[in-house]
């Protein structure tokens, strides 16, 4: 589910100036063979650095990822 709105400030660390918040610039849905994801473009309000991140649409309970 897409919880990100354009202009929204979210808690992500800027890799350039280490500011704790970035603003959402654009959100695109990407469909793959078995799953969907959202590609999120963000910008740091402090230094202006642009970032992007691929986020899963939803996490399955069957994911084998380690939580430790």
PDB file of N, CA and C in Angstrom:
ATOM      1  N   UNK A   1       0.842  -1.168   0.000  1.00  0.00           N
ATOM      2  CA  UNK A   1       0.000   0.000   0.000  1.00  0.00           C
ATOM      3  C   UNK A   1       0.894   1.240   0.000  1.00  0.00           C
ATOM      4  N   UNK A   2       0.531   2.220  -0.790  1.00  0.00           N
ATOM      5  CA  UNK A   2       1.322   3.440  -0.935  1.00  0.00           C
ATOM      6  C   UNK A   2       0.886   4.455   0.110  1.00  0.00           C
ATOM      7  N   UNK A   3       1.747   4.711   1.100  1.00  0.00           N
ATOM      8  CA  UNK A   3       1.442   5.683   2.150  1.00  0.00           C
ATOM      9  C   UNK A   3       2.166   6.995   1.937  1.00  0.00           C
ATOM     10  N   UNK A   4       2.864   7.163   0.816  1.00  0.00           N
ATOM     11  CA  UNK A   4       3.664   8.352   0.575  1.00  0.00           C
ATOM     12  C   UNK A   4       2.920   9.324  -0.332  1.00  0.00           C
ATOM     13  N   UNK A   5       2.916  10.606   0.042  1.00  0.00           N
ATOM     14  CA  UNK A   5       2.286  11.663  -0.744  1.00  0.00           C
ATOM     15  C   UNK A   5       3.354  12.672  -1.150  1.00  0.00           C
ATOM     16  N   UNK A   6       3.229  13.228  -2.349  1.00  0.00           N
ATOM     17  CA  UNK A   6       4.176  14.234  -2.828  1.00  0.00           C
ATOM     18  C   UNK A   6       4.153  15.432  -1.885  1.00  0.00           C
ATOM     19  N   UNK A   7       5.328  15.891  -1.479  1.00  0.00           N
ATOM     20  CA  UNK A   7       5.458  17.013  -0.555  1.00  0.00           C
ATOM     21  C   UNK A   7       5.548  16.614   0.905  1.00  0.00           C
ATOM     22  N   UNK A   8       5.228  15.376   1.209  1.00  0.00           N
ATOM     23  CA  UNK A   8       5.258  14.879   2.586  1.00  0.00           C
ATOM     24  C   UNK A   8       6.706  14.769   3.075  1.00  0.00           C
ATOM     25  N   UNK A   9       6.960  15.142   4.324  1.00  0.00           N
ATOM     26  CA  UNK A   9       8.267  14.935   4.949  1.00  0.00           C
ATOM     27  C   UNK A   9       8.265  13.568   5.614  1.00  0.00           C
ATOM     28  N   UNK A  10       9.292  12.766   5.332  1.00  0.00           N
ATOM     29  CA  UNK A  10       9.387  11.430   5.918  1.00  0.00           C
ATOM     30  C   UNK A  10      10.723  11.278   6.634  1.00  0.00           C
ATOM     31  N   UNK A  11      10.778  10.328   7.566  1.00  0.00           N
ATOM     32  CA  UNK A  11      11.984  10.065   8.359  1.00  0.00           C
ATOM     33  C   UNK A  11      12.942   9.178   7.561  1.00  0.00           C
ATOM     34  N   UNK A  12      13.843   9.771   6.830  1.00  0.00           N
ATOM     35  CA  UNK A  12      14.924   9.078   6.125  1.00  0.00           C
ATOM     36  C   UNK A  12      16.157   9.941   6.272  1.00  0.00           C
ATOM     37  N   UNK A  13      17.306   9.346   6.418  1.00  0.00           N
ATOM     38  CA  UNK A  13      18.538  10.116   6.595  1.00  0.00           C
ATOM     39  C   UNK A  13      19.134  10.463   5.238  1.00  0.00           C
ATOM     40  N   UNK A  14      19.455  11.737   5.056  1.00  0.00           N
ATOM     41  CA  UNK A  14      20.144  12.213   3.856  1.00  0.00           C
ATOM     42  C   UNK A  14      21.567  11.670   3.877  1.00  0.00           C
ATOM     43  N   UNK A  15      22.014  11.116   2.768  1.00  0.00           N
ATOM     44  CA  UNK A  15      23.361  10.549   2.711  1.00  0.00           C
ATOM     45  C   UNK A  15      24.433  11.612   2.523  1.00  0.00           C
ATOM     46  N   UNK A  16      24.030  12.839   2.248  1.00  0.00           N
ATOM     47  CA  UNK A  16      24.991  13.917   2.042  1.00  0.00           C
ATOM     48  C   UNK A  16      25.233  14.725   3.322  1.00  0.00           C
ATOM     49  N   UNK A  17      24.145  15.251   3.924  1.00  0.00           N
ATOM     50  CA  UNK A  17      24.309  16.112   5.107  1.00  0.00           C
ATOM     51  C   UNK A  17      23.801  15.453   6.395  1.00  0.00           C
ATOM     52  N   UNK A  18      23.256  14.235   6.303  1.00  0.00           N
ATOM     53  CA  UNK A  18      22.769  13.454   7.446  1.00  0.00           C
ATOM     54  C   UNK A  18      21.565  14.081   8.150  1.00  0.00           C
ATOM     55  N   UNK A  19      20.817  14.919   7.437  1.00  0.00           N
ATOM     56  CA  UNK A  19      19.564  15.446   7.964  1.00  0.00           C
ATOM     57  C   UNK A  19      18.591  14.275   8.142  1.00  0.00           C
ATOM     58  N   UNK A  20      17.712  14.339   9.148  1.00  0.00           N
ATOM     59  CA  UNK A  20      16.816  13.224   9.461  1.00  0.00           C
ATOM     60  C   UNK A  20      15.529  13.187   8.657  1.00  0.00           C
ATOM     61  N   UNK A  21      15.223  14.222   7.883  1.00  0.00           N
ATOM     62  CA  UNK A  21      13.978  14.246   7.117  1.00  0.00           C
ATOM     63  C   UNK A  21      14.261  14.567   5.662  1.00  0.00           C
ATOM     64  N   UNK A  22      13.472  13.940   4.776  1.00  0.00           N
ATOM     65  CA  UNK A  22      13.516  14.256   3.353  1.00  0.00           C
ATOM     66  C   UNK A  22      12.087  14.454   2.871  1.00  0.00           C
ATOM     67  N   UNK A  23      11.920  15.207   1.788  1.00  0.00           N
ATOM     68  CA  UNK A  23      10.600  15.468   1.219  1.00  0.00           C
ATOM     69  C   UNK A  23      10.383  14.556   0.014  1.00  0.00           C
ATOM     70  N   UNK A  24       9.174  14.007  -0.103  1.00  0.00           N
ATOM     71  CA  UNK A  24       8.829  13.139  -1.225  1.00  0.00           C
ATOM     72  C   UNK A  24       8.584  14.002  -2.461  1.00  0.00           C
ATOM     73  N   UNK A  25       9.302  13.699  -3.555  1.00  0.00           N
ATOM     74  CA  UNK A  25       9.129  14.421  -4.814  1.00  0.00           C
ATOM     75  C   UNK A  25       8.192  13.701  -5.771  1.00  0.00           C
ATOM     76  N   UNK A  26       8.323  12.361  -5.842  1.00  0.00           N
ATOM     77  CA  UNK A  26       7.558  11.581  -6.812  1.00  0.00           C
ATOM     78  C   UNK A  26       7.469  10.140  -6.332  1.00  0.00           C
ATOM     79  N   UNK A  27       6.345   9.478  -6.612  1.00  0.00           N
ATOM     80  CA  UNK A  27       6.157   8.074  -6.265  1.00  0.00           C
ATOM     81  C   UNK A  27       5.644   7.350  -7.506  1.00  0.00           C
ATOM     82  N   UNK A  28       6.355   6.299  -7.939  1.00  0.00           N
ATOM     83  CA  UNK A  28       5.947   5.486  -9.088  1.00  0.00           C
ATOM     84  C   UNK A  28       5.779   4.045  -8.653  1.00  0.00           C
ATOM     85  N   UNK A  29       4.752   3.398  -9.174  1.00  0.00           N
ATOM     86  CA  UNK A  29       4.545   1.972  -8.918  1.00  0.00           C
ATOM     87  C   UNK A  29       5.293   1.179  -9.982  1.00  0.00           C
ATOM     88  N   UNK A  30       6.029   0.158  -9.563  1.00  0.00           N
ATOM     89  CA  UNK A  30       6.755  -0.723 -10.470  1.00  0.00           C
ATOM     90  C   UNK A  30       6.219  -2.137 -10.287  1.00  0.00           C
ATOM     91  N   UNK A  31       5.776  -2.752 -11.384  1.00  0.00           N
ATOM     92  CA  UNK A  31       5.256  -4.115 -11.340  1.00  0.00           C
ATOM     93  C   UNK A  31       6.299  -5.079 -11.882  1.00  0.00           C
ATOM     94  N   UNK A  32       6.626  -6.086 -11.081  1.00  0.00           N
ATOM     95  CA  UNK A  32       7.564  -7.122 -11.468  1.00  0.00           C
ATOM     96  C   UNK A  32       6.776  -8.405 -11.703  1.00  0.00           C
ATOM     97  N   UNK A  33       7.446  -9.505 -11.993  1.00  0.00           N
ATOM     98  CA  UNK A  33       6.760 -10.757 -12.311  1.00  0.00           C
ATOM     99  C   UNK A  33       5.814 -11.209 -11.204  1.00  0.00           C
ATOM    100  N   UNK A  34       6.287 -11.223  -9.974  1.00  0.00           N
ATOM    101  CA  UNK A  34       5.484 -11.769  -8.885  1.00  0.00           C
ATOM    102  C   UNK A  34       5.057 -10.740  -7.849  1.00  0.00           C
ATOM    103  N   UNK A  35       5.733  -9.591  -7.802  1.00  0.00           N
ATOM    104  CA  UNK A  35       5.446  -8.608  -6.759  1.00  0.00           C
ATOM    105  C   UNK A  35       5.426  -7.206  -7.340  1.00  0.00           C
ATOM    106  N   UNK A  36       4.899  -6.281  -6.567  1.00  0.00           N
ATOM    107  CA  UNK A  36       4.900  -4.865  -6.935  1.00  0.00           C
ATOM    108  C   UNK A  36       5.686  -4.085  -5.892  1.00  0.00           C
ATOM    109  N   UNK A  37       6.214  -2.944  -6.320  1.00  0.00           N
ATOM    110  CA  UNK A  37       6.977  -2.085  -5.415  1.00  0.00           C
ATOM    111  C   UNK A  37       6.746  -0.637  -5.815  1.00  0.00           C
ATOM    112  N   UNK A  38       7.172   0.266  -4.947  1.00  0.00           N
ATOM    113  CA  UNK A  38       7.083   1.692  -5.229  1.00  0.00           C
ATOM    114  C   UNK A  38       8.487   2.258  -5.289  1.00  0.00           C
ATOM    115  N   UNK A  39       8.754   3.047  -6.334  1.00  0.00           N
ATOM    116  CA  UNK A  39      10.023   3.752  -6.475  1.00  0.00           C
ATOM    117  C   UNK A  39       9.778   5.169  -5.998  1.00  0.00           C
ATOM    118  N   UNK A  40      10.484   5.578  -4.948  1.00  0.00           N
ATOM    119  CA  UNK A  40      10.229   6.862  -4.299  1.00  0.00           C
ATOM    120  C   UNK A  40      11.427   7.781  -4.508  1.00  0.00           C
ATOM    121  N   UNK A  41      11.169   8.955  -5.090  1.00  0.00           N
ATOM    122  CA  UNK A  41      12.197   9.989  -5.241  1.00  0.00           C
ATOM    123  C   UNK A  41      12.005  11.001  -4.131  1.00  0.00           C
ATOM    124  N   UNK A  42      13.091  11.328  -3.433  1.00  0.00           N
ATOM    125  CA  UNK A  42      13.031  12.282  -2.325  1.00  0.00           C
ATOM    126  C   UNK A  42      14.121  13.338  -2.482  1.00  0.00           C
ATOM    127  N   UNK A  43      13.959  14.433  -1.743  1.00  0.00           N
ATOM    128  CA  UNK A  43      14.952  15.505  -1.743  1.00  0.00           C
ATOM    129  C   UNK A  43      15.118  16.023  -0.325  1.00  0.00           C
ATOM    130  N   UNK A  44      16.367  16.245   0.064  1.00  0.00           N
ATOM    131  CA  UNK A  44      16.670  16.792   1.377  1.00  0.00           C
ATOM    132  C   UNK A  44      16.354  18.287   1.384  1.00  0.00           C
ATOM    133  N   UNK A  45      15.557  18.767   2.347  1.00  0.00           N
ATOM    134  CA  UNK A  45      15.250  20.197   2.403  1.00  0.00           C
ATOM    135  C   UNK A  45      16.434  21.046   2.872  1.00  0.00           C
ATOM    136  N   UNK A  46      17.439  20.432   3.493  1.00  0.00           N
ATOM    137  CA  UNK A  46      18.606  21.171   3.988  1.00  0.00           C
ATOM    138  C   UNK A  46      19.639  21.427   2.894  1.00  0.00           C
ATOM    139  N   UNK A  47      20.059  20.364   2.191  1.00  0.00           N
ATOM    140  CA  UNK A  47      21.143  20.508   1.210  1.00  0.00           C
ATOM    141  C   UNK A  47      20.674  20.392  -0.236  1.00  0.00           C
ATOM    142  N   UNK A  48      19.444  19.915  -0.459  1.00  0.00           N
ATOM    143  CA  UNK A  48      18.909  19.795  -1.811  1.00  0.00           C
ATOM    144  C   UNK A  48      19.298  18.521  -2.538  1.00  0.00           C
ATOM    145  N   UNK A  49      19.983  17.597  -1.866  1.00  0.00           N
ATOM    146  CA  UNK A  49      20.412  16.342  -2.483  1.00  0.00           C
ATOM    147  C   UNK A  49      19.200  15.467  -2.790  1.00  0.00           C
ATOM    148  N   UNK A  50      19.166  14.888  -4.001  1.00  0.00           N
ATOM    149  CA  UNK A  50      18.085  13.991  -4.399  1.00  0.00           C
ATOM    150  C   UNK A  50      18.462  12.552  -4.086  1.00  0.00           C
ATOM    151  N   UNK A  51      17.470  11.763  -3.683  1.00  0.00           N
ATOM    152  CA  UNK A  51      17.659  10.356  -3.356  1.00  0.00           C
ATOM    153  C   UNK A  51      16.529   9.563  -4.000  1.00  0.00           C
ATOM    154  N   UNK A  52      16.745   8.266  -4.171  1.00  0.00           N
ATOM    155  CA  UNK A  52      15.682   7.389  -4.648  1.00  0.00           C
ATOM    156  C   UNK A  52      15.783   6.065  -3.901  1.00  0.00           C
ATOM    157  N   UNK A  53      14.634   5.405  -3.790  1.00  0.00           N
ATOM    158  CA  UNK A  53      14.591   4.148  -3.042  1.00  0.00           C
ATOM    159  C   UNK A  53      13.462   3.287  -3.583  1.00  0.00           C
ATOM    160  N   UNK A  54      13.718   1.995  -3.706  1.00  0.00           N
ATOM    161  CA  UNK A  54      12.715   1.030  -4.115  1.00  0.00           C
ATOM    162  C   UNK A  54      12.144   0.390  -2.859  1.00  0.00           C
ATOM    163  N   UNK A  55      10.843   0.570  -2.631  1.00  0.00           N
ATOM    164  CA  UNK A  55      10.187   0.063  -1.422  1.00  0.00           C
ATOM    165  C   UNK A  55       9.166  -1.000  -1.813  1.00  0.00           C
ATOM    166  N   UNK A  56       9.125  -2.140  -1.105  1.00  0.00           N
ATOM    167  CA  UNK A  56       8.123  -3.161  -1.416  1.00  0.00           C
ATOM    168  C   UNK A  56       6.721  -2.652  -1.118  1.00  0.00           C
ATOM    169  N   UNK A  57       5.756  -3.127  -1.917  1.00  0.00           N
ATOM    170  CA  UNK A  57       4.371  -2.710  -1.706  1.00  0.00           C
ATOM    171  C   UNK A  57       3.869  -3.201  -0.355  1.00  0.00           C
ATOM    172  N   UNK A  58       4.163  -4.440  -0.044  1.00  0.00           N
ATOM    173  CA  UNK A  58       3.829  -4.983   1.274  1.00  0.00           C
ATOM    174  C   UNK A  58       4.773  -6.132   1.571  1.00  0.00           C
ATOM    175  N   UNK A  59       5.024  -6.349   2.837  1.00  0.00           N
ATOM    176  CA  UNK A  59       5.908  -7.429   3.256  1.00  0.00           C
ATOM    177  C   UNK A  59       5.076  -8.681   3.487  1.00  0.00           C
ATOM    178  N   UNK A  60       5.532  -9.805   2.937  1.00  0.00           N
ATOM    179  CA  UNK A  60       4.862 -11.078   3.158  1.00  0.00           C
ATOM    180  C   UNK A  60       5.319 -11.680   4.480  1.00  0.00           C
ATOM    181  N   UNK A  61       4.435 -12.411   5.127  1.00  0.00           N
ATOM    182  CA  UNK A  61       4.812 -13.117   6.351  1.00  0.00           C
ATOM    183  C   UNK A  61       5.770 -14.260   6.043  1.00  0.00           C
ATOM    184  N   UNK A  62       5.823 -14.681   4.777  1.00  0.00           N
ATOM    185  CA  UNK A  62       6.674 -15.793   4.377  1.00  0.00           C
ATOM    186  C   UNK A  62       8.077 -15.351   4.012  1.00  0.00           C
ATOM    187  N   UNK A  63       8.380 -14.047   4.112  1.00  0.00           N
ATOM    188  CA  UNK A  63       9.725 -13.562   3.806  1.00  0.00           C
ATOM    189  C   UNK A  63      10.730 -14.215   4.738  1.00  0.00           C
ATOM    190  N   UNK A  64      11.865 -14.607   4.198  1.00  0.00           N
ATOM    191  CA  UNK A  64      12.903 -15.294   4.968  1.00  0.00           C
ATOM    192  C   UNK A  64      13.960 -14.325   5.484  1.00  0.00           C
ATOM    193  N   UNK A  65      13.681 -13.038   5.509  1.00  0.00           N
ATOM    194  CA  UNK A  65      14.656 -12.048   5.963  1.00  0.00           C
ATOM    195  C   UNK A  65      14.866 -12.146   7.464  1.00  0.00           C
ATOM    196  N   UNK A  66      16.110 -11.971   7.857  1.00  0.00           N
ATOM    197  CA  UNK A  66      16.464 -12.016   9.269  1.00  0.00           C
ATOM    198  C   UNK A  66      16.076 -10.713   9.949  1.00  0.00           C
ATOM    199  N   UNK A  67      15.581 -10.794  11.174  1.00  0.00           N
ATOM    200  CA  UNK A  67      15.208  -9.599  11.927  1.00  0.00           C
ATOM    201  C   UNK A  67      16.266  -9.224  12.947  1.00  0.00           C
ATOM    202  N   UNK A  68      17.348  -9.996  13.029  1.00  0.00           N
ATOM    203  CA  UNK A  68      18.399  -9.679  14.003  1.00  0.00           C
ATOM    204  C   UNK A  68      19.546  -8.956  13.369  1.00  0.00           C
TER     205      UNK A  68
END
